[in-house]
Amino acid sequence: MKALYLIKNYIEENMAKELNLQMVQVPLIISKDSGVNDYLDRDGSHMPIDFPCGLGLDKRIEAQVVQAATKWKRMA
């Protein structure tokens, strides 16, 4: 497993360097008001997961779990 990780990491780093790319991590949690989450279907049967977060803040943040990274990547 260590050898596979090292090979994978070597390929990713060198390919990114040769193609002038930068690794970007997608956030797992976003603000509900951000508009990033697309609904997964047209009939509304698959809704994003909402939850409050921000303990200690005066106003809690309504957050969502990212459903798909496609729209987030376009916005970024």
PDB file of N, CA and C in Angstrom:
ATOM      1  N   MET A   1       0.822  -1.187   0.000  1.00  0.00           N
ATOM      2  CA  MET A   1       0.000   0.000   0.000  1.00  0.00           C
ATOM      3  C   MET A   1       0.872   1.260   0.000  1.00  0.00           C
ATOM      4  N   LYS A   2       1.959   1.218   0.766  1.00  0.00           N
ATOM      5  CA  LYS A   2       2.848   2.379   0.788  1.00  0.00           C
ATOM      6  C   LYS A   2       3.460   2.627  -0.586  1.00  0.00           C
ATOM      7  N   ALA A   3       3.853   1.553  -1.260  1.00  0.00           N
ATOM      8  CA  ALA A   3       4.447   1.688  -2.596  1.00  0.00           C
ATOM      9  C   ALA A   3       3.427   2.252  -3.586  1.00  0.00           C
ATOM     10  N   LEU A   4       2.188   1.767  -3.519  1.00  0.00           N
ATOM     11  CA  LEU A   4       1.142   2.278  -4.408  1.00  0.00           C
ATOM     12  C   LEU A   4       0.885   3.761  -4.151  1.00  0.00           C
ATOM     13  N   TYR A   5       0.848   4.136  -2.883  1.00  0.00           N
ATOM     14  CA  TYR A   5       0.651   5.542  -2.547  1.00  0.00           C
ATOM     15  C   TYR A   5       1.793   6.391  -3.114  1.00  0.00           C
ATOM     16  N   LEU A   6       3.027   5.943  -2.946  1.00  0.00           N
ATOM     17  CA  LEU A   6       4.171   6.704  -3.440  1.00  0.00           C
ATOM     18  C   LEU A   6       4.143   6.867  -4.958  1.00  0.00           C
ATOM     19  N   ILE A   7       3.767   5.800  -5.658  1.00  0.00           N
ATOM     20  CA  ILE A   7       3.675   5.869  -7.127  1.00  0.00           C
ATOM     21  C   ILE A   7       2.571   6.835  -7.545  1.00  0.00           C
ATOM     22  N   LYS A   8       1.411   6.705  -6.921  1.00  0.00           N
ATOM     23  CA  LYS A   8       0.277   7.588  -7.233  1.00  0.00           C
ATOM     24  C   LYS A   8       0.647   9.040  -6.960  1.00  0.00           C
ATOM     25  N   ASN A   9       1.252   9.294  -5.822  1.00  0.00           N
ATOM     26  CA  ASN A   9       1.650  10.640  -5.447  1.00  0.00           C
ATOM     27  C   ASN A   9       2.689  11.202  -6.428  1.00  0.00           C
ATOM     28  N   TYR A  10       3.656  10.388  -6.828  1.00  0.00           N
ATOM     29  CA  TYR A  10       4.678  10.801  -7.785  1.00  0.00           C
ATOM     30  C   TYR A  10       4.035  11.213  -9.111  1.00  0.00           C
ATOM     31  N   ILE A  11       3.108  10.394  -9.606  1.00  0.00           N
ATOM     32  CA  ILE A  11       2.435  10.699 -10.871  1.00  0.00           C
ATOM     33  C   ILE A  11       1.636  11.986 -10.758  1.00  0.00           C
ATOM     34  N   GLU A  12       0.857  12.135  -9.680  1.00  0.00           N
ATOM     35  CA  GLU A  12       0.041  13.336  -9.509  1.00  0.00           C
ATOM     36  C   GLU A  12       0.889  14.600  -9.451  1.00  0.00           C
ATOM     37  N   GLU A  13       1.936  14.566  -8.640  1.00  0.00           N
ATOM     38  CA  GLU A  13       2.776  15.757  -8.485  1.00  0.00           C
ATOM     39  C   GLU A  13       3.484  16.131  -9.776  1.00  0.00           C
ATOM     40  N   ASN A  14       4.063  15.156 -10.451  1.00  0.00           N
ATOM     41  CA  ASN A  14       4.823  15.461 -11.665  1.00  0.00           C
ATOM     42  C   ASN A  14       3.925  15.813 -12.843  1.00  0.00           C
ATOM     43  N   MET A  15       2.776  15.182 -12.936  1.00  0.00           N
ATOM     44  CA  MET A  15       1.843  15.528 -14.010  1.00  0.00           C
ATOM     45  C   MET A  15       1.328  16.955 -13.793  1.00  0.00           C
ATOM     46  N   ALA A  16       1.013  17.294 -12.559  1.00  0.00           N
ATOM     47  CA  ALA A  16       0.548  18.645 -12.254  1.00  0.00           C
ATOM     48  C   ALA A  16       1.617  19.676 -12.589  1.00  0.00           C
ATOM     49  N   LYS A  17       2.862  19.356 -12.276  1.00  0.00           N
ATOM     50  CA  LYS A  17       3.960  20.286 -12.568  1.00  0.00           C
ATOM     51  C   LYS A  17       4.143  20.450 -14.082  1.00  0.00           C
ATOM     52  N   GLU A  18       4.123  19.355 -14.820  1.00  0.00           N
ATOM     53  CA  GLU A  18       4.320  19.405 -16.276  1.00  0.00           C
ATOM     54  C   GLU A  18       3.172  20.120 -16.988  1.00  0.00           C
ATOM     55  N   LEU A  19       1.945  19.952 -16.481  1.00  0.00           N
ATOM     56  CA  LEU A  19       0.774  20.561 -17.115  1.00  0.00           C
ATOM     57  C   LEU A  19       0.395  21.899 -16.491  1.00  0.00           C
ATOM     58  N   ASN A  20       1.207  22.354 -15.527  1.00  0.00           N
ATOM     59  CA  ASN A  20       0.957  23.613 -14.835  1.00  0.00           C
ATOM     60  C   ASN A  20      -0.436  23.634 -14.188  1.00  0.00           C
ATOM     61  N   LEU A  21      -0.737  22.571 -13.449  1.00  0.00           N
ATOM     62  CA  LEU A  21      -2.016  22.458 -12.747  1.00  0.00           C
ATOM     63  C   LEU A  21      -1.801  22.601 -11.251  1.00  0.00           C
ATOM     64  N   GLN A  22      -2.860  22.943 -10.556  1.00  0.00           N
ATOM     65  CA  GLN A  22      -2.800  23.065  -9.105  1.00  0.00           C
ATOM     66  C   GLN A  22      -3.888  22.187  -8.490  1.00  0.00           C
ATOM     67  N   MET A  23      -3.525  21.398  -7.479  1.00  0.00           N
ATOM     68  CA  MET A  23      -4.478  20.540  -6.791  1.00  0.00           C
ATOM     69  C   MET A  23      -5.433  21.401  -5.968  1.00  0.00           C
ATOM     70  N   VAL A  24      -6.729  21.158  -6.110  1.00  0.00           N
ATOM     71  CA  VAL A  24      -7.741  21.898  -5.377  1.00  0.00           C
ATOM     72  C   VAL A  24      -8.637  20.901  -4.656  1.00  0.00           C
ATOM     73  N   GLN A  25      -8.872  21.144  -3.376  1.00  0.00           N
ATOM     74  CA  GLN A  25      -9.758  20.294  -2.591  1.00  0.00           C
ATOM     75  C   GLN A  25     -11.137  20.929  -2.551  1.00  0.00           C
ATOM     76  N   VAL A  26     -12.153  20.136  -2.740  1.00  0.00           N
ATOM     77  CA  VAL A  26     -13.532  20.602  -2.690  1.00  0.00           C
ATOM     78  C   VAL A  26     -13.980  20.643  -1.235  1.00  0.00           C
ATOM     79  N   PRO A  27     -14.656  21.720  -0.822  1.00  0.00           N
ATOM     80  CA  PRO A  27     -15.156  21.748   0.549  1.00  0.00           C
ATOM     81  C   PRO A  27     -16.240  20.702   0.748  1.00  0.00           C
ATOM     82  N   LEU A  28     -16.329  20.168   1.943  1.00  0.00           N
ATOM     83  CA  LEU A  28     -17.363  19.178   2.253  1.00  0.00           C
ATOM     84  C   LEU A  28     -18.643  19.832   2.733  1.00  0.00           C
ATOM     85  N   ILE A  29     -18.504  21.022   3.314  1.00  0.00           N
ATOM     86  CA  ILE A  29     -19.648  21.737   3.875  1.00  0.00           C
ATOM     87  C   ILE A  29     -19.653  23.147   3.301  1.00  0.00           C
ATOM     88  N   ILE A  30     -20.835  23.612   2.909  1.00  0.00           N
ATOM     89  CA  ILE A  30     -20.978  24.955   2.354  1.00  0.00           C
ATOM     90  C   ILE A  30     -22.177  25.640   2.985  1.00  0.00           C
ATOM     91  N   SER A  31     -22.248  26.940   2.840  1.00  0.00           N
ATOM     92  CA  SER A  31     -23.404  27.695   3.308  1.00  0.00           C
ATOM     93  C   SER A  31     -24.597  27.387   2.416  1.00  0.00           C
ATOM     94  N   LYS A  32     -25.758  27.240   3.018  1.00  0.00           N
ATOM     95  CA  LYS A  32     -26.975  26.949   2.249  1.00  0.00           C
ATOM     96  C   LYS A  32     -27.268  28.065   1.247  1.00  0.00           C
ATOM     97  N   ASP A  33     -26.935  29.291   1.606  1.00  0.00           N
ATOM     98  CA  ASP A  33     -27.206  30.451   0.747  1.00  0.00           C
ATOM     99  C   ASP A  33     -26.217  30.606  -0.400  1.00  0.00           C
ATOM    100  N   SER A  34     -25.174  29.784  -0.448  1.00  0.00           N
ATOM    101  CA  SER A  34     -24.146  29.938  -1.476  1.00  0.00           C
ATOM    102  C   SER A  34     -24.658  29.602  -2.878  1.00  0.00           C
ATOM    103  N   GLY A  35     -25.677  28.758  -2.968  1.00  0.00           N
ATOM    104  CA  GLY A  35     -26.210  28.374  -4.268  1.00  0.00           C
ATOM    105  C   GLY A  35     -25.376  27.342  -5.005  1.00  0.00           C
ATOM    106  N   VAL A  36     -24.403  26.745  -4.333  1.00  0.00           N
ATOM    107  CA  VAL A  36     -23.518  25.788  -4.979  1.00  0.00           C
ATOM    108  C   VAL A  36     -24.214  24.459  -5.242  1.00  0.00           C
ATOM    109  N   ASN A  37     -25.025  23.994  -4.313  1.00  0.00           N
ATOM    110  CA  ASN A  37     -25.650  22.689  -4.485  1.00  0.00           C
ATOM    111  C   ASN A  37     -26.744  22.720  -5.541  1.00  0.00           C
ATOM    112  N   ASP A  38     -26.628  21.834  -6.476  1.00  0.00           N
ATOM    113  CA  ASP A  38     -27.693  21.609  -7.448  1.00  0.00           C
ATOM    114  C   ASP A  38     -28.561  20.486  -6.918  1.00  0.00           C
ATOM    115  N   TYR A  39     -29.830  20.529  -7.220  1.00  0.00           N
ATOM    116  CA  TYR A  39     -30.671  19.390  -6.869  1.00  0.00           C
ATOM    117  C   TYR A  39     -30.330  18.259  -7.820  1.00  0.00           C
ATOM    118  N   LEU A  40     -30.290  17.050  -7.311  1.00  0.00           N
ATOM    119  CA  LEU A  40     -29.807  15.917  -8.079  1.00  0.00           C
ATOM    120  C   LEU A  40     -30.819  15.387  -9.083  1.00  0.00           C
ATOM    121  N   ASP A  41     -32.056  15.792  -8.931  1.00  0.00           N
ATOM    122  CA  ASP A  41     -33.077  15.310  -9.850  1.00  0.00           C
ATOM    123  C   ASP A  41     -34.143  16.387 -10.018  1.00  0.00           C
ATOM    124  N   ARG A  42     -35.016  16.196 -10.973  1.00  0.00           N
ATOM    125  CA  ARG A  42     -36.033  17.203 -11.262  1.00  0.00           C
ATOM    126  C   ARG A  42     -37.280  17.069 -10.396  1.00  0.00           C
ATOM    127  N   ASP A  43     -37.523  15.894  -9.840  1.00  0.00           N
ATOM    128  CA  ASP A  43     -38.759  15.715  -9.060  1.00  0.00           C
ATOM    129  C   ASP A  43     -38.598  16.041  -7.577  1.00  0.00           C
ATOM    130  N   GLY A  44     -37.392  16.432  -7.134  1.00  0.00           N
ATOM    131  CA  GLY A  44     -37.190  16.851  -5.759  1.00  0.00           C
ATOM    132  C   GLY A  44     -37.080  15.733  -4.744  1.00  0.00           C
ATOM    133  N   SER A  45     -36.864  14.508  -5.196  1.00  0.00           N
ATOM    134  CA  SER A  45     -36.787  13.393  -4.254  1.00  0.00           C
ATOM    135  C   SER A  45     -35.416  13.271  -3.592  1.00  0.00           C
ATOM    136  N   HIS A  46     -34.393  13.908  -4.133  1.00  0.00           N
ATOM    137  CA  HIS A  46     -33.053  13.890  -3.552  1.00  0.00           C
ATOM    138  C   HIS A  46     -32.671  15.311  -3.161  1.00  0.00           C
ATOM    139  N   MET A  47     -32.890  15.643  -1.920  1.00  0.00           N
ATOM    140  CA  MET A  47     -32.618  16.990  -1.429  1.00  0.00           C
ATOM    141  C   MET A  47     -31.257  17.020  -0.715  1.00  0.00           C
ATOM    142  N   PRO A  48     -30.555  18.159  -0.770  1.00  0.00           N
ATOM    143  CA  PRO A  48     -29.305  18.290  -0.027  1.00  0.00           C
ATOM    144  C   PRO A  48     -29.554  18.169   1.479  1.00  0.00           C
ATOM    145  N   ILE A  49     -28.559  17.706   2.205  1.00  0.00           N
ATOM    146  CA  ILE A  49     -28.659  17.569   3.647  1.00  0.00           C
ATOM    147  C   ILE A  49     -28.334  18.912   4.284  1.00  0.00           C
ATOM    148  N   ASP A  50     -29.281  19.473   5.035  1.00  0.00           N
ATOM    149  CA  ASP A  50     -29.114  20.756   5.713  1.00  0.00           C
ATOM    150  C   ASP A  50     -28.868  20.524   7.198  1.00  0.00           C
ATOM    151  N   PHE A  51     -28.083  21.411   7.803  1.00  0.00           N
ATOM    152  CA  PHE A  51     -27.895  21.361   9.251  1.00  0.00           C
ATOM    153  C   PHE A  51     -27.341  22.701   9.730  1.00  0.00           C
ATOM    154  N   PRO A  52     -27.655  23.078  10.979  1.00  0.00           N
ATOM    155  CA  PRO A  52     -27.102  24.310  11.530  1.00  0.00           C
ATOM    156  C   PRO A  52     -25.688  24.063  12.040  1.00  0.00           C
ATOM    157  N   CYS A  53     -24.816  25.056  11.920  1.00  0.00           N
ATOM    158  CA  CYS A  53     -23.468  24.943  12.476  1.00  0.00           C
ATOM    159  C   CYS A  53     -23.014  26.320  12.933  1.00  0.00           C
ATOM    160  N   GLY A  54     -21.895  26.371  13.624  1.00  0.00           N
ATOM    161  CA  GLY A  54     -21.349  27.641  14.087  1.00  0.00           C
ATOM    162  C   GLY A  54     -21.550  27.861  15.571  1.00  0.00           C
ATOM    163  N   LEU A  55     -21.229  26.861  16.374  1.00  0.00           N
ATOM    164  CA  LEU A  55     -21.315  27.035  17.823  1.00  0.00           C
ATOM    165  C   LEU A  55     -20.483  28.230  18.256  1.00  0.00           C
ATOM    166  N   GLY A  56     -21.018  29.040  19.105  1.00  0.00           N
ATOM    167  CA  GLY A  56     -20.304  30.210  19.592  1.00  0.00           C
ATOM    168  C   GLY A  56     -20.526  31.453  18.759  1.00  0.00           C
ATOM    169  N   LEU A  57     -21.121  31.329  17.605  1.00  0.00           N
ATOM    170  CA  LEU A  57     -21.418  32.505  16.783  1.00  0.00           C
ATOM    171  C   LEU A  57     -22.727  33.129  17.251  1.00  0.00           C
ATOM    172  N   ASP A  58     -22.863  34.428  17.063  1.00  0.00           N
ATOM    173  CA  ASP A  58     -24.117  35.093  17.418  1.00  0.00           C
ATOM    174  C   ASP A  58     -25.260  34.561  16.575  1.00  0.00           C
ATOM    175  N   LYS A  59     -25.008  34.348  15.295  1.00  0.00           N
ATOM    176  CA  LYS A  59     -26.023  33.810  14.394  1.00  0.00           C
ATOM    177  C   LYS A  59     -25.478  32.517  13.786  1.00  0.00           C
ATOM    178  N   ARG A  60     -26.182  31.415  13.978  1.00  0.00           N
ATOM    179  CA  ARG A  60     -25.734  30.130  13.447  1.00  0.00           C
ATOM    180  C   ARG A  60     -25.802  30.146  11.925  1.00  0.00           C
ATOM    181  N   ILE A  61     -24.988  29.327  11.298  1.00  0.00           N
ATOM    182  CA  ILE A  61     -24.927  29.224   9.843  1.00  0.00           C
ATOM    183  C   ILE A  61     -25.754  28.013   9.417  1.00  0.00           C
ATOM    184  N   GLU A  62     -26.633  28.204   8.450  1.00  0.00           N
ATOM    185  CA  GLU A  62     -27.352  27.077   7.855  1.00  0.00           C
ATOM    186  C   GLU A  62     -26.441  26.498   6.784  1.00  0.00           C
ATOM    187  N   ALA A  63     -25.999  25.279   6.984  1.00  0.00           N
ATOM    188  CA  ALA A  63     -25.016  24.667   6.099  1.00  0.00           C
ATOM    189  C   ALA A  63     -25.613  23.477   5.362  1.00  0.00           C
ATOM    190  N   GLN A  64     -24.909  23.027   4.335  1.00  0.00           N
ATOM    191  CA  GLN A  64     -25.298  21.847   3.566  1.00  0.00           C
ATOM    192  C   GLN A  64     -24.053  21.027   3.258  1.00  0.00           C
ATOM    193  N   VAL A  65     -24.245  19.743   3.095  1.00  0.00           N
ATOM    194  CA  VAL A  65     -23.197  18.859   2.612  1.00  0.00           C
ATOM    195  C   VAL A  65     -23.135  19.016   1.100  1.00  0.00           C
ATOM    196  N   VAL A  66     -21.938  19.150   0.545  1.00  0.00           N
ATOM    197  CA  VAL A  66     -21.781  19.304  -0.905  1.00  0.00           C
ATOM    198  C   VAL A  66     -22.276  18.035  -1.599  1.00  0.00           C
ATOM    199  N   GLN A  67     -23.174  18.189  -2.560  1.00  0.00           N
ATOM    200  CA  GLN A  67     -23.742  17.052  -3.278  1.00  0.00           C
ATOM    201  C   GLN A  67     -22.854  16.623  -4.444  1.00  0.00           C
ATOM    202  N   ALA A  68     -22.346  17.588  -5.176  1.00  0.00           N
ATOM    203  CA  ALA A  68     -21.480  17.296  -6.326  1.00  0.00           C
ATOM    204  C   ALA A  68     -20.517  18.467  -6.490  1.00  0.00           C
ATOM    205  N   ALA A  69     -19.303  18.173  -6.857  1.00  0.00           N
ATOM    206  CA  ALA A  69     -18.276  19.203  -6.943  1.00  0.00           C
ATOM    207  C   ALA A  69     -18.292  19.958  -8.268  1.00  0.00           C
ATOM    208  N   THR A  70     -19.077  19.535  -9.224  1.00  0.00           N
ATOM    209  CA  THR A  70     -19.033  20.123 -10.557  1.00  0.00           C
ATOM    210  C   THR A  70     -19.316  21.612 -10.556  1.00  0.00           C
ATOM    211  N   LYS A  71     -20.419  22.021  -9.947  1.00  0.00           N
ATOM    212  CA  LYS A  71     -20.771  23.450  -9.942  1.00  0.00           C
ATOM    213  C   LYS A  71     -19.778  24.235  -9.101  1.00  0.00           C
ATOM    214  N   TRP A  72     -19.330  23.666  -7.977  1.00  0.00           N
ATOM    215  CA  TRP A  72     -18.351  24.354  -7.138  1.00  0.00           C
ATOM    216  C   TRP A  72     -17.074  24.625  -7.931  1.00  0.00           C
ATOM    217  N   LYS A  73     -16.626  23.643  -8.721  1.00  0.00           N
ATOM    218  CA  LYS A  73     -15.401  23.816  -9.510  1.00  0.00           C
ATOM    219  C   LYS A  73     -15.573  24.927 -10.539  1.00  0.00           C
ATOM    220  N   ARG A  74     -16.737  25.005 -11.174  1.00  0.00           N
ATOM    221  CA  ARG A  74     -16.966  26.071 -12.154  1.00  0.00           C
ATOM    222  C   ARG A  74     -16.910  27.432 -11.479  1.00  0.00           C
ATOM    223  N   MET A  75     -17.515  27.534 -10.285  1.00  0.00           N
ATOM    224  CA  MET A  75     -17.535  28.811  -9.570  1.00  0.00           C
ATOM    225  C   MET A  75     -16.135  29.185  -9.098  1.00  0.00           C
ATOM    226  N   ALA A  76     -15.351  28.194  -8.667  1.00  0.00           N
ATOM    227  CA  ALA A  76     -13.992  28.455  -8.181  1.00  0.00           C
ATOM    228  C   ALA A  76     -13.112  28.916  -9.324  1.00  0.00           C
TER     229      ALA A  76
END
